[in-house]
Amino acid sequence: MDREAKIIRTSVEAIIVNILLVVFKMFVGFLSNSIAIILDAVNNLTDALSSVITIIGTKLAGKAPDKEHPFGYGRIEYMTSAIIGAIIFFAGFTALQESWEKIVNPTAANYTTVTIIIVAVGVIVKFVFGRYVKRIGENVNSDSLIASGQDSVMDSVLSFSTLIAAFISIFFHISLEGYLGVIIALFIIKASIDIIKDTVDSMLGTRTDPELVKKIKEEVSAYEEVHGVYDIVLHNYGPNQSIATVHVEVDDDMTAREIHGLTKQVQGELYQKLGIVTTVGIYASNSEDEESAAIRGELEKIISEYPEIIEMHGFYLEKEKKFVSFDLIFDLDCKDTVTIREEIKNRMAAKYPEYAYFIILDTDYTTSELIDN
């Protein structure tokens, strides 16, 4: 079964389960006059609605690329996750209002053995089903399913709290309905904010997954001709839809035909093993040359004095044209990159004045720990 079919099937199952829970909990809530159970039922209703939105979003995201959207519609899944987060937030805010009213104007709940059993069954069903949905979401890389699964697990915990409140009401005749409702509402609101934040982060673009970067580096570094792998950037166009760029360092005496063959092999292997379309850039290396090695050694010595610099790569000495070029990756917290670059340039010029220095300020798209490794 393909990814889209799994997401839709799981979402349909979620709709059925949540609708059944809504019916039972609404019945129990009104029968026992429990605002906490009623709000729990409303929360299940929003879960069912979230699943409907997930299905719609998945179908739209699966549309083929067209002239207006050559990268496809995959990012629609992020939009549906944001909508789900907004729905959950609205449900939480409404629950907060209703619960506060219950605190101001309290009414006693009337629990029976049947209502207790139904709530207990609901707790078990939501917990087990929530874990199931989340696991499927992680397997198919669906933020919407993961969000729904997390919400279901949270619902089971909150439903369990209503069960505790019921026992307290029965045995101690203390009504905690309104207060419990406020706690449930705040948990729901927090969960919605987390979902929205994660979705916005995905839309804005976060650091490339270190594990995926590590796999790419391992695959590309395995080629004998490759002396270094740098500047790995993944452009995300939806879950499981990524386009990558990567630079490899090779000897400067490789022919165009040899470079062409290497890049095609790299592209084919990354697509076959990781499902990633990759553009491969080239850094030429002449570090075996005695003068080149000496200048590079001096440069590395100077750079070691700047903890803000994570890495130097792409070093190349052009003897005939009398210039040295290389890239520097700075920690993103560093605000004086230009100043440091000029300092390094001046220090190198003082040591080797016959060369001009072209330094590109690069960006740390992965993590410094991964680069160091």
Protein backbone atom coordinates (compact mmCIF):
# COMPACT_ATOMS: atom_id res chain seq x y z
CA MET A 1 0.00 0.00 0.00
CA ASP A 2 1.40 3.41 -0.97
CA ARG A 3 1.82 6.40 1.34
CA GLU A 4 -1.35 8.23 0.27
CA ALA A 5 -3.51 5.12 0.65
CA LYS A 6 -2.13 4.47 4.16
CA ILE A 7 -2.82 8.03 5.29
CA ILE A 8 -6.38 7.98 3.92
CA ARG A 9 -7.18 4.54 5.36
CA THR A 10 -5.85 5.53 8.80
CA SER A 11 -7.79 8.81 8.69
CA VAL A 12 -11.03 7.01 7.81
CA GLU A 13 -10.46 4.64 10.74
CA ALA A 14 -9.89 7.67 12.98
CA ILE A 15 -13.15 9.26 11.82
CA ILE A 16 -15.14 6.10 12.61
CA VAL A 17 -13.54 5.66 16.05
CA ASN A 18 -13.99 9.30 17.02
CA ILE A 19 -17.61 9.50 15.85
CA LEU A 20 -18.46 6.44 17.95
CA LEU A 21 -16.71 8.02 20.95
CA VAL A 22 -18.58 11.29 20.38
CA VAL A 23 -21.95 9.50 20.45
CA PHE A 24 -21.16 7.55 23.60
CA LYS A 25 -19.54 10.44 25.48
CA MET A 26 -22.26 12.93 24.58
CA PHE A 27 -24.84 10.46 25.85
CA VAL A 28 -22.89 9.89 29.06
CA GLY A 29 -22.11 13.58 29.50
CA PHE A 30 -25.70 14.76 29.28
CA LEU A 31 -26.94 11.79 31.32
CA SER A 32 -24.52 12.51 34.15
CA ASN A 33 -24.54 16.33 33.74
CA SER A 34 -20.73 16.25 33.40
CA ILE A 35 -19.21 19.22 31.58
CA ALA A 36 -15.82 17.44 31.53
CA ILE A 37 -17.22 14.44 29.64
CA ILE A 38 -19.18 16.68 27.26
CA LEU A 39 -16.04 18.66 26.48
CA ASP A 40 -14.20 15.38 25.99
CA ALA A 41 -16.83 14.43 23.40
CA VAL A 42 -16.44 17.78 21.66
CA ASN A 43 -12.70 17.19 21.54
CA ASN A 44 -13.34 13.82 19.84
CA LEU A 45 -15.54 15.61 17.31
CA THR A 46 -12.69 17.97 16.44
CA ASP A 47 -10.46 14.91 16.04
CA ALA A 48 -12.89 13.48 13.49
CA LEU A 49 -12.95 16.81 11.66
CA SER A 50 -9.15 16.87 11.70
CA SER A 51 -9.11 13.46 10.02
CA VAL A 52 -11.46 14.73 7.30
CA ILE A 53 -9.09 17.64 6.68
CA THR A 54 -6.14 15.22 6.59
CA ILE A 55 -7.85 13.19 3.86
CA ILE A 56 -8.61 16.30 1.81
CA GLY A 57 -5.08 17.63 2.26
CA THR A 58 -3.50 14.31 1.33
CA LYS A 59 -5.55 14.04 -1.86
CA LEU A 60 -4.67 17.62 -2.87
CA ALA A 61 -1.00 17.14 -1.98
CA GLY A 62 -0.89 14.09 -4.24
CA LYS A 63 -1.77 16.10 -7.35
CA ALA A 64 0.78 15.91 -10.14
CA PRO A 65 3.02 18.95 -10.83
CA ASP A 66 1.71 21.41 -13.40
CA LYS A 67 2.90 24.59 -15.12
CA GLU A 68 1.91 26.81 -12.21
CA HIS A 69 3.34 24.46 -9.56
CA PRO A 70 6.28 22.54 -11.08
CA PHE A 71 7.34 21.24 -7.66
CA GLY A 72 3.93 19.71 -6.99
CA TYR A 73 1.45 20.28 -4.17
CA GLY A 74 3.19 18.45 -1.34
CA ARG A 75 3.33 21.48 0.96
CA ILE A 76 -0.46 21.45 1.20
CA GLU A 77 0.03 18.81 3.90
CA TYR A 78 1.70 21.46 6.05
CA MET A 79 -1.28 23.73 5.54
CA THR A 80 -3.69 20.99 6.63
CA SER A 81 -1.61 20.43 9.77
CA ALA A 82 -1.89 24.15 10.55
CA ILE A 83 -5.66 24.01 10.03
CA ILE A 84 -5.90 21.02 12.36
CA GLY A 85 -3.93 22.97 14.95
CA ALA A 86 -6.30 25.93 14.60
CA ILE A 87 -9.35 23.67 15.02
CA ILE A 88 -7.88 22.11 18.16
CA PHE A 89 -7.08 25.61 19.50
CA PHE A 90 -10.69 26.73 18.93
CA ALA A 91 -11.96 23.61 20.70
CA GLY A 92 -9.64 24.28 23.63
CA PHE A 93 -10.67 27.93 23.90
CA THR A 94 -14.37 27.00 23.82
CA ALA A 95 -13.75 24.34 26.46
CA LEU A 96 -12.02 26.94 28.64
CA GLN A 97 -15.03 29.26 28.45
CA GLU A 98 -17.51 26.48 29.27
CA SER A 99 -15.40 25.20 32.15
CA TRP A 100 -15.04 28.64 33.68
CA GLU A 101 -18.80 29.02 33.56
CA LYS A 102 -19.06 25.70 35.40
CA ILE A 103 -16.77 27.03 38.14
CA VAL A 104 -18.79 30.24 38.50
CA ASN A 105 -22.15 28.42 38.44
CA PRO A 106 -21.41 24.85 39.59
CA THR A 107 -23.90 22.01 39.20
CA ALA A 108 -23.43 18.55 40.63
CA ALA A 109 -22.66 15.67 38.29
CA ASN A 110 -24.56 12.39 38.56
CA TYR A 111 -22.35 9.43 37.68
CA THR A 112 -23.59 5.84 37.35
CA THR A 113 -21.77 2.55 36.90
CA VAL A 114 -22.62 2.56 33.19
CA THR A 115 -21.20 6.05 32.65
CA ILE A 116 -18.00 5.13 34.48
CA ILE A 117 -17.53 2.01 32.33
CA ILE A 118 -18.11 3.93 29.09
CA VAL A 119 -15.59 6.62 30.05
CA ALA A 120 -13.04 3.94 31.03
CA VAL A 121 -13.47 2.14 27.69
CA GLY A 122 -13.06 5.50 25.92
CA VAL A 123 -9.74 6.09 27.72
CA ILE A 124 -8.34 2.73 26.58
CA VAL A 125 -9.60 3.11 23.00
CA LYS A 126 -8.17 6.62 22.57
CA PHE A 127 -4.77 5.68 24.01
CA VAL A 128 -4.33 2.54 21.92
CA PHE A 129 -5.70 4.13 18.76
CA GLY A 130 -3.63 7.29 19.28
CA ARG A 131 -0.41 5.26 19.48
CA TYR A 132 -1.46 3.40 16.34
CA VAL A 133 -2.15 6.59 14.34
CA LYS A 134 1.09 8.21 15.49
CA ARG A 135 3.10 5.13 14.51
CA ILE A 136 1.56 5.09 11.04
CA GLY A 137 2.23 8.84 10.72
CA GLU A 138 5.91 8.35 11.60
CA ASN A 139 6.22 5.45 9.17
CA VAL A 140 4.81 7.45 6.23
CA ASN A 141 6.25 10.82 7.38
CA SER A 142 2.83 12.50 7.71
CA ASP A 143 2.77 15.51 10.05
CA SER A 144 -1.04 15.46 10.01
CA LEU A 145 -1.27 11.86 11.22
CA ILE A 146 1.45 12.40 13.81
CA ALA A 147 -0.45 15.45 15.12
CA SER A 148 -3.71 13.47 15.23
CA GLY A 149 -2.02 10.59 17.03
CA GLN A 150 -0.41 12.87 19.61
CA ASP A 151 -3.76 14.57 20.17
CA SER A 152 -5.49 11.22 20.70
CA VAL A 153 -2.93 10.09 23.27
CA MET A 154 -3.35 13.41 25.07
CA ASP A 155 -7.12 12.96 24.93
CA SER A 156 -6.80 9.58 26.66
CA VAL A 157 -4.81 11.14 29.49
CA LEU A 158 -7.36 13.90 29.91
CA SER A 159 -10.24 11.41 29.75
CA PHE A 160 -8.52 9.45 32.49
CA SER A 161 -8.56 12.60 34.60
CA THR A 162 -12.34 12.85 34.14
CA LEU A 163 -12.53 9.28 35.41
CA ILE A 164 -10.61 10.27 38.55
CA ALA A 165 -12.94 13.26 39.01
CA ALA A 166 -15.92 10.93 38.75
CA PHE A 167 -14.59 8.69 41.52
CA ILE A 168 -13.87 11.73 43.71
CA SER A 169 -17.42 12.95 43.11
CA ILE A 170 -18.90 9.54 43.96
CA PHE A 171 -16.88 8.77 47.07
CA PHE A 172 -16.12 12.24 48.49
CA HIS A 173 -19.01 14.29 47.05
CA ILE A 174 -16.60 16.95 45.81
CA SER A 175 -17.25 18.44 42.35
CA LEU A 176 -14.10 19.09 40.34
CA GLU A 177 -15.87 19.34 36.98
CA GLY A 178 -15.20 22.99 36.24
CA TYR A 179 -11.60 22.94 37.46
CA LEU A 180 -10.87 19.75 35.58
CA GLY A 181 -12.43 21.25 32.48
CA VAL A 182 -10.06 24.23 32.73
CA ILE A 183 -7.06 21.91 32.99
CA ILE A 184 -8.26 19.89 29.99
CA ALA A 185 -8.82 23.07 28.00
CA LEU A 186 -5.32 24.38 28.77
CA PHE A 187 -3.77 21.08 27.69
CA ILE A 188 -5.75 21.19 24.44
CA ILE A 189 -4.66 24.78 23.76
CA LYS A 190 -1.01 23.93 24.43
CA ALA A 191 -1.19 20.92 22.11
CA SER A 192 -2.67 23.09 19.35
CA ILE A 193 0.06 25.70 19.73
CA ASP A 194 2.74 22.98 19.51
CA ILE A 195 1.18 21.60 16.32
CA ILE A 196 0.98 25.06 14.72
CA LYS A 197 4.56 25.87 15.74
CA ASP A 198 5.93 22.62 14.28
CA THR A 199 4.02 23.22 11.05
CA VAL A 200 5.20 26.82 10.72
CA ASP A 201 8.77 25.65 11.33
CA SER A 202 8.40 23.16 8.45
CA MET A 203 7.04 25.88 6.18
CA LEU A 204 9.82 28.32 7.05
CA GLY A 205 12.51 25.68 6.71
CA THR A 206 14.43 24.11 9.57
CA ARG A 207 17.88 22.55 9.72
CA THR A 208 18.34 19.55 7.48
CA ASP A 209 17.79 16.29 9.36
CA PRO A 210 21.28 15.33 10.69
CA GLU A 211 20.67 11.61 10.14
CA LEU A 212 19.71 12.17 6.52
CA VAL A 213 22.75 14.43 5.98
CA LYS A 214 24.94 11.73 7.50
CA LYS A 215 23.53 9.14 5.09
CA ILE A 216 24.12 11.44 2.11
CA LYS A 217 27.70 12.12 3.18
CA GLU A 218 28.38 8.43 3.66
CA GLU A 219 26.97 7.50 0.25
CA VAL A 220 28.85 10.23 -1.63
CA SER A 221 32.12 9.87 0.30
CA ALA A 222 32.26 6.20 -0.68
CA TYR A 223 33.39 7.19 -4.20
CA GLU A 224 37.16 7.02 -4.57
CA GLU A 225 37.27 10.24 -6.60
CA VAL A 226 35.54 12.25 -3.86
CA HIS A 227 37.84 13.92 -1.30
CA GLY A 228 35.14 15.81 0.60
CA VAL A 229 31.37 16.38 0.74
CA TYR A 230 30.07 19.84 1.60
CA ASP A 231 27.15 22.28 1.42
CA ILE A 232 24.38 19.72 1.70
CA VAL A 233 21.06 21.55 1.40
CA LEU A 234 17.61 19.96 1.15
CA HIS A 235 14.74 21.97 -0.31
CA ASN A 236 11.52 20.55 1.07
CA TYR A 237 8.38 20.55 -1.09
CA GLY A 238 6.31 18.40 1.23
CA PRO A 239 6.89 15.18 3.22
CA ASN A 240 9.01 12.76 1.19
CA GLN A 241 9.47 15.36 -1.55
CA SER A 242 12.96 16.83 -1.37
CA ILE A 243 15.46 18.26 -3.82
CA ALA A 244 19.07 18.34 -2.63
CA THR A 245 22.22 20.17 -3.59
CA VAL A 246 25.66 18.88 -2.60
CA HIS A 247 29.22 19.92 -3.43
CA VAL A 248 32.00 17.35 -3.79
CA GLU A 249 35.72 17.97 -3.84
CA VAL A 250 37.69 16.21 -6.60
CA ASP A 251 41.16 16.46 -8.15
CA ASP A 252 41.49 19.41 -10.51
CA ASP A 253 42.91 17.22 -13.26
CA MET A 254 39.71 15.21 -13.72
CA THR A 255 38.24 15.58 -17.21
CA ALA A 256 34.75 16.83 -17.92
CA ARG A 257 33.81 13.31 -19.00
CA GLU A 258 35.02 11.84 -15.70
CA ILE A 259 33.21 14.49 -13.66
CA HIS A 260 30.04 13.92 -15.70
CA GLY A 261 30.20 10.19 -15.00
CA LEU A 262 30.79 10.75 -11.28
CA THR A 263 27.92 13.21 -10.83
CA LYS A 264 25.50 10.92 -12.70
CA GLN A 265 26.47 8.01 -10.47
CA VAL A 266 25.99 10.12 -7.34
CA GLN A 267 22.61 11.39 -8.52
CA GLY A 268 21.42 7.91 -9.44
CA GLU A 269 22.50 6.31 -6.18
CA LEU A 270 20.98 9.02 -3.95
CA TYR A 271 17.68 8.79 -5.82
CA GLN A 272 17.62 5.00 -5.73
CA LYS A 273 18.56 4.66 -2.05
CA LEU A 274 17.08 7.81 -0.50
CA GLY A 275 14.50 8.97 -3.05
CA ILE A 276 16.16 12.40 -3.36
CA VAL A 277 16.69 14.33 -6.59
CA THR A 278 20.18 15.83 -6.28
CA THR A 279 22.18 18.55 -8.00
CA VAL A 280 25.93 17.98 -7.65
CA GLY A 281 28.41 20.88 -7.63
CA ILE A 282 32.17 20.54 -7.91
CA TYR A 283 35.10 21.88 -5.89
CA ALA A 284 38.49 21.39 -7.55
CA SER A 285 41.40 20.46 -5.31
CA ASN A 286 45.14 20.88 -5.88
CA SER A 287 46.22 20.45 -2.27
CA GLU A 288 48.92 17.94 -3.27
CA ASP A 289 50.92 20.79 -4.77
CA GLU A 290 53.70 21.85 -2.37
CA GLU A 291 52.96 25.58 -2.47
CA SER A 292 49.22 24.98 -2.26
CA ALA A 293 49.71 22.74 0.77
CA ALA A 294 51.88 25.36 2.49
CA ILE A 295 49.36 28.17 1.95
CA ARG A 296 46.48 25.96 3.03
CA GLY A 297 48.40 24.99 6.18
CA GLU A 298 48.94 28.65 7.07
CA LEU A 299 45.25 29.40 6.43
CA GLU A 300 44.11 26.53 8.66
CA LYS A 301 46.43 27.77 11.40
CA ILE A 302 44.89 31.25 11.25
CA ILE A 303 41.33 29.92 11.11
CA SER A 304 41.92 27.78 14.22
CA GLU A 305 42.17 31.03 16.20
CA TYR A 306 38.52 31.86 15.42
CA PRO A 307 36.08 29.60 17.33
CA GLU A 308 33.20 31.21 15.40
CA ILE A 309 34.35 29.42 12.24
CA ILE A 310 32.93 25.92 11.98
CA GLU A 311 34.64 24.84 8.79
CA MET A 312 36.74 25.88 5.79
CA HIS A 313 36.32 24.05 2.48
CA GLY A 314 36.59 24.55 -1.28
CA PHE A 315 40.20 25.69 -1.01
CA TYR A 316 41.87 26.23 -4.37
CA LEU A 317 45.12 27.92 -5.40
CA GLU A 318 45.24 29.40 -8.91
CA LYS A 319 48.95 29.98 -9.59
CA GLU A 320 48.72 31.58 -13.00
CA LYS A 321 45.97 34.03 -12.07
CA LYS A 322 47.44 34.55 -8.61
CA PHE A 323 44.39 34.06 -6.42
CA VAL A 324 43.24 31.79 -3.61
CA SER A 325 39.59 30.95 -3.09
CA PHE A 326 37.78 29.11 -0.28
CA ASP A 327 34.51 29.04 1.67
CA LEU A 328 34.05 29.68 5.38
CA ILE A 329 31.14 28.39 7.45
CA PHE A 330 30.41 30.49 10.52
CA ASP A 331 28.26 29.67 13.50
CA LEU A 332 24.85 31.29 12.91
CA ASP A 333 25.20 33.16 16.22
CA CYS A 334 28.26 35.01 14.91
CA LYS A 335 27.43 38.62 13.93
CA ASP A 336 30.91 39.73 12.84
CA THR A 337 31.43 37.44 9.87
CA VAL A 338 32.45 40.21 7.47
CA THR A 339 34.94 41.67 9.95
CA ILE A 340 36.52 38.27 10.60
CA ARG A 341 36.69 37.53 6.88
CA GLU A 342 38.62 40.77 6.29
CA GLU A 343 40.97 39.99 9.16
CA ILE A 344 41.77 36.59 7.70
CA LYS A 345 42.21 38.07 4.23
CA ASN A 346 44.64 40.72 5.56
CA ARG A 347 46.64 38.20 7.56
CA MET A 348 46.99 35.90 4.56
CA ALA A 349 47.93 38.83 2.33
CA ALA A 350 50.66 39.79 4.79
CA LYS A 351 52.09 36.28 4.64
CA TYR A 352 51.62 35.68 0.91
CA PRO A 353 51.20 39.14 -0.70
CA GLU A 354 51.53 37.84 -4.27
CA TYR A 355 48.02 36.33 -4.11
CA ALA A 356 44.54 37.82 -4.01
CA TYR A 357 42.03 36.14 -1.70
CA PHE A 358 38.38 35.42 -2.53
CA ILE A 359 36.44 34.23 0.51
CA ILE A 360 32.81 33.14 0.33
CA LEU A 361 30.76 33.29 3.52
CA ASP A 362 28.77 30.06 3.60
CA THR A 363 25.85 29.02 5.82
CA ASP A 364 25.70 26.20 8.36
CA TYR A 365 22.62 24.36 7.05
CA THR A 366 23.32 21.21 9.07
CA THR A 367 24.88 21.10 12.52
CA SER A 368 28.40 21.82 13.64
CA GLU A 369 28.53 18.48 15.51
CA LEU A 370 27.72 16.60 12.33
CA ILE A 371 30.23 18.55 10.27
CA ASP A 372 32.95 17.91 12.82
CA ASN A 373 32.23 14.20 12.60
